[in-house]
C-alpha atoms as a PDB file:
ATOM      1  CA  UNK A   1     -10.879 -33.878 -15.075  1.00  0.00           C
ATOM      2  CA  UNK A   2     -10.945 -34.665 -11.383  1.00  0.00           C
ATOM      3  CA  UNK A   3     -12.572 -31.890  -9.327  1.00  0.00           C
ATOM      4  CA  UNK A   4     -10.526 -32.870  -6.286  1.00  0.00           C
ATOM      5  CA  UNK A   5      -7.380 -31.700  -8.073  1.00  0.00           C
ATOM      6  CA  UNK A   6      -9.040 -28.374  -8.873  1.00  0.00           C
ATOM      7  CA  UNK A   7     -10.149 -27.917  -5.257  1.00  0.00           C
ATOM      8  CA  UNK A   8      -6.657 -28.674  -3.971  1.00  0.00           C
ATOM      9  CA  UNK A   9      -5.139 -26.245  -6.440  1.00  0.00           C
ATOM     10  CA  UNK A  10      -7.702 -23.566  -5.516  1.00  0.00           C
ATOM     11  CA  UNK A  11      -7.069 -24.018  -1.796  1.00  0.00           C
ATOM     12  CA  UNK A  12      -3.318 -23.876  -2.352  1.00  0.00           C
ATOM     13  CA  UNK A  13      -3.662 -20.703  -4.428  1.00  0.00           C
ATOM     14  CA  UNK A  14      -5.800 -19.047  -1.736  1.00  0.00           C
ATOM     15  CA  UNK A  15      -3.176 -19.924   0.889  1.00  0.00           C
ATOM     16  CA  UNK A  16      -0.435 -18.505  -1.288  1.00  0.00           C
ATOM     17  CA  UNK A  17      -2.395 -15.268  -1.719  1.00  0.00           C
ATOM     18  CA  UNK A  18      -2.876 -15.043   2.064  1.00  0.00           C
ATOM     19  CA  UNK A  19       0.852 -15.597   2.555  1.00  0.00           C
ATOM     20  CA  UNK A  20       1.644 -12.966  -0.072  1.00  0.00           C
ATOM     21  CA  UNK A  21      -0.616 -10.395   1.599  1.00  0.00           C
ATOM     22  CA  UNK A  22       0.977 -11.093   4.998  1.00  0.00           C
ATOM     23  CA  UNK A  23       4.462 -10.830   3.525  1.00  0.00           C
ATOM     24  CA  UNK A  24       3.686  -7.516   1.817  1.00  0.00           C
ATOM     25  CA  UNK A  25       2.140  -6.122   5.015  1.00  0.00           C
ATOM     26  CA  UNK A  26       5.315  -6.979   6.957  1.00  0.00           C
ATOM     27  CA  UNK A  27       7.524  -5.591   4.195  1.00  0.00           C
ATOM     28  CA  UNK A  28       5.641  -2.281   4.196  1.00  0.00           C
ATOM     29  CA  UNK A  29       6.083  -2.039   7.965  1.00  0.00           C
ATOM     30  CA  UNK A  30       9.809  -2.723   7.540  1.00  0.00           C
ATOM     31  CA  UNK A  31      10.152  -0.031   4.860  1.00  0.00           C
ATOM     32  CA  UNK A  32       8.397   2.468   7.121  1.00  0.00           C
ATOM     33  CA  UNK A  33      10.860   1.653   9.911  1.00  0.00           C
ATOM     34  CA  UNK A  34      13.908   1.695   7.621  1.00  0.00           C
ATOM     35  CA  UNK A  35      13.378   4.144   4.733  1.00  0.00           C
ATOM     36  CA  UNK A  36      16.599   3.063   2.980  1.00  0.00           C
ATOM     37  CA  UNK A  37      15.138  -0.349   2.233  1.00  0.00           C
ATOM     38  CA  UNK A  38      16.354  -2.297  -0.782  1.00  0.00           C
ATOM     39  CA  UNK A  39      12.794  -2.409  -2.169  1.00  0.00           C
ATOM     40  CA  UNK A  40      10.848   0.877  -2.120  1.00  0.00           C
ATOM     41  CA  UNK A  41       7.142   1.274  -1.387  1.00  0.00           C
ATOM     42  CA  UNK A  42       6.481   1.556  -5.124  1.00  0.00           C
ATOM     43  CA  UNK A  43       7.550  -2.077  -5.562  1.00  0.00           C
ATOM     44  CA  UNK A  44       5.127  -3.226  -2.868  1.00  0.00           C
ATOM     45  CA  UNK A  45       2.329  -1.107  -4.355  1.00  0.00           C
ATOM     46  CA  UNK A  46       2.825  -2.841  -7.690  1.00  0.00           C
ATOM     47  CA  UNK A  47       2.720  -6.239  -6.009  1.00  0.00           C
ATOM     48  CA  UNK A  48      -0.570  -5.277  -4.337  1.00  0.00           C
ATOM     49  CA  UNK A  49      -1.980  -4.003  -7.627  1.00  0.00           C
ATOM     50  CA  UNK A  50      -1.107  -7.335  -9.241  1.00  0.00           C
ATOM     51  CA  UNK A  51      -2.862  -9.161  -6.433  1.00  0.00           C
ATOM     52  CA  UNK A  52      -5.939  -6.944  -6.741  1.00  0.00           C
ATOM     53  CA  UNK A  53      -6.286  -8.006 -10.379  1.00  0.00           C
ATOM     54  CA  UNK A  54      -6.297 -11.684  -9.418  1.00  0.00           C
ATOM     55  CA  UNK A  55      -9.634 -13.307 -10.206  1.00  0.00           C
ATOM     56  CA  UNK A  56      -9.484 -15.684  -7.275  1.00  0.00           C
ATOM     57  CA  UNK A  57      -9.446 -13.256  -4.358  1.00  0.00           C
ATOM     58  CA  UNK A  58     -11.832 -13.946  -1.528  1.00  0.00           C
ATOM     59  CA  UNK A  59     -13.634 -10.971   0.028  1.00  0.00           C
ATOM     60  CA  UNK A  60     -11.286 -10.788   3.035  1.00  0.00           C
ATOM     61  CA  UNK A  61      -8.263 -10.934   0.754  1.00  0.00           C
ATOM     62  CA  UNK A  62      -9.594  -8.187  -1.486  1.00  0.00           C
ATOM     63  CA  UNK A  63     -10.331  -6.075   1.603  1.00  0.00           C
ATOM     64  CA  UNK A  64      -6.809  -6.613   2.959  1.00  0.00           C
ATOM     65  CA  UNK A  65      -5.238  -5.645  -0.381  1.00  0.00           C
ATOM     66  CA  UNK A  66      -7.456  -2.564  -0.647  1.00  0.00           C
ATOM     67  CA  UNK A  67      -6.620  -1.527   2.915  1.00  0.00           C
ATOM     68  CA  UNK A  68      -2.896  -1.805   2.229  1.00  0.00           C
ATOM     69  CA  UNK A  69      -3.227   0.175  -1.019  1.00  0.00           C
ATOM     70  CA  UNK A  70      -5.149   2.885   0.837  1.00  0.00           C
ATOM     71  CA  UNK A  71      -2.475   2.944   3.519  1.00  0.00           C
ATOM     72  CA  UNK A  72       0.226   3.404   0.890  1.00  0.00           C
ATOM     73  CA  UNK A  73      -1.791   6.212  -0.703  1.00  0.00           C
ATOM     74  CA  UNK A  74      -2.074   7.924   2.670  1.00  0.00           C
ATOM     75  CA  UNK A  75       1.674   7.565   3.236  1.00  0.00           C
ATOM     76  CA  UNK A  76       2.285   9.153  -0.184  1.00  0.00           C
ATOM     77  CA  UNK A  77      -0.121  11.990   0.616  1.00  0.00           C
ATOM     78  CA  UNK A  78       1.560  12.602   3.966  1.00  0.00           C
ATOM     79  CA  UNK A  79       5.053  12.571   2.484  1.00  0.00           C
ATOM     80  CA  UNK A  80       4.156  14.918  -0.375  1.00  0.00           C
ATOM     81  CA  UNK A  81       2.390  17.215   2.073  1.00  0.00           C
ATOM     82  CA  UNK A  82       5.580  17.500   4.088  1.00  0.00           C
ATOM     83  CA  UNK A  83       7.642  18.173   0.976  1.00  0.00           C
ATOM     84  CA  UNK A  84       5.503  21.114  -0.174  1.00  0.00           C
ATOM     85  CA  UNK A  85       7.020  24.555   0.238  1.00  0.00           C
ATOM     86  CA  UNK A  86       5.248  26.823   2.691  1.00  0.00           C
ATOM     87  CA  UNK A  87       2.446  28.931   1.287  1.00  0.00           C
ATOM     88  CA  UNK A  88       3.483  32.527   0.513  1.00  0.00           C
ATOM     89  CA  UNK A  89       2.182  35.102   2.919  1.00  0.00           C
ATOM     90  CA  UNK A  90      -0.449  37.407   1.552  1.00  0.00           C
ATOM     91  CA  UNK A  91      -0.075  41.171   1.928  1.00  0.00           C
ATOM     92  CA  UNK A  92      -2.326  41.498   4.985  1.00  0.00           C
ATOM     93  CA  UNK A  93      -0.605  38.809   7.043  1.00  0.00           C
ATOM     94  CA  UNK A  94       2.829  40.101   6.034  1.00  0.00           C
ATOM     95  CA  UNK A  95       1.992  43.600   7.300  1.00  0.00           C
ATOM     96  CA  UNK A  96       0.541  42.289  10.554  1.00  0.00           C
ATOM     97  CA  UNK A  97       3.649  40.205  11.219  1.00  0.00           C
ATOM     98  CA  UNK A  98       5.895  43.260  10.763  1.00  0.00           C
ATOM     99  CA  UNK A  99       4.099  45.231  13.493  1.00  0.00           C
END
C-alpha cells in the first residue's frame, strides 16, 4: 500500500470535515434567522453528533463541533425556558399584591 494515497485521502477527509462544520454553522445561523426552515435544529444536531463520533477529528474540529453542540443546547434551554408557564404565586405574595 502506498502511504501517499493514505495521506491524500486523510487530508481530503479533514478538508471535508472542515467544510461540513462550516456548512452546519451557517445552516444553524440561517435557522435562527428563519425559524420556519426546511431542516430543523434537530437535524443539524444529529449531523454534529455524527461528526463528533468520527475518529479522524483534529482538536480544532472537535472543539468547533463541541461549541456548536453547546450552542444548540443553550438555544434549547432558552426556548424551553420561555415556554414554561409562570410560577404560581404563593399565599404571601398573593396577599401583598391585593393590597
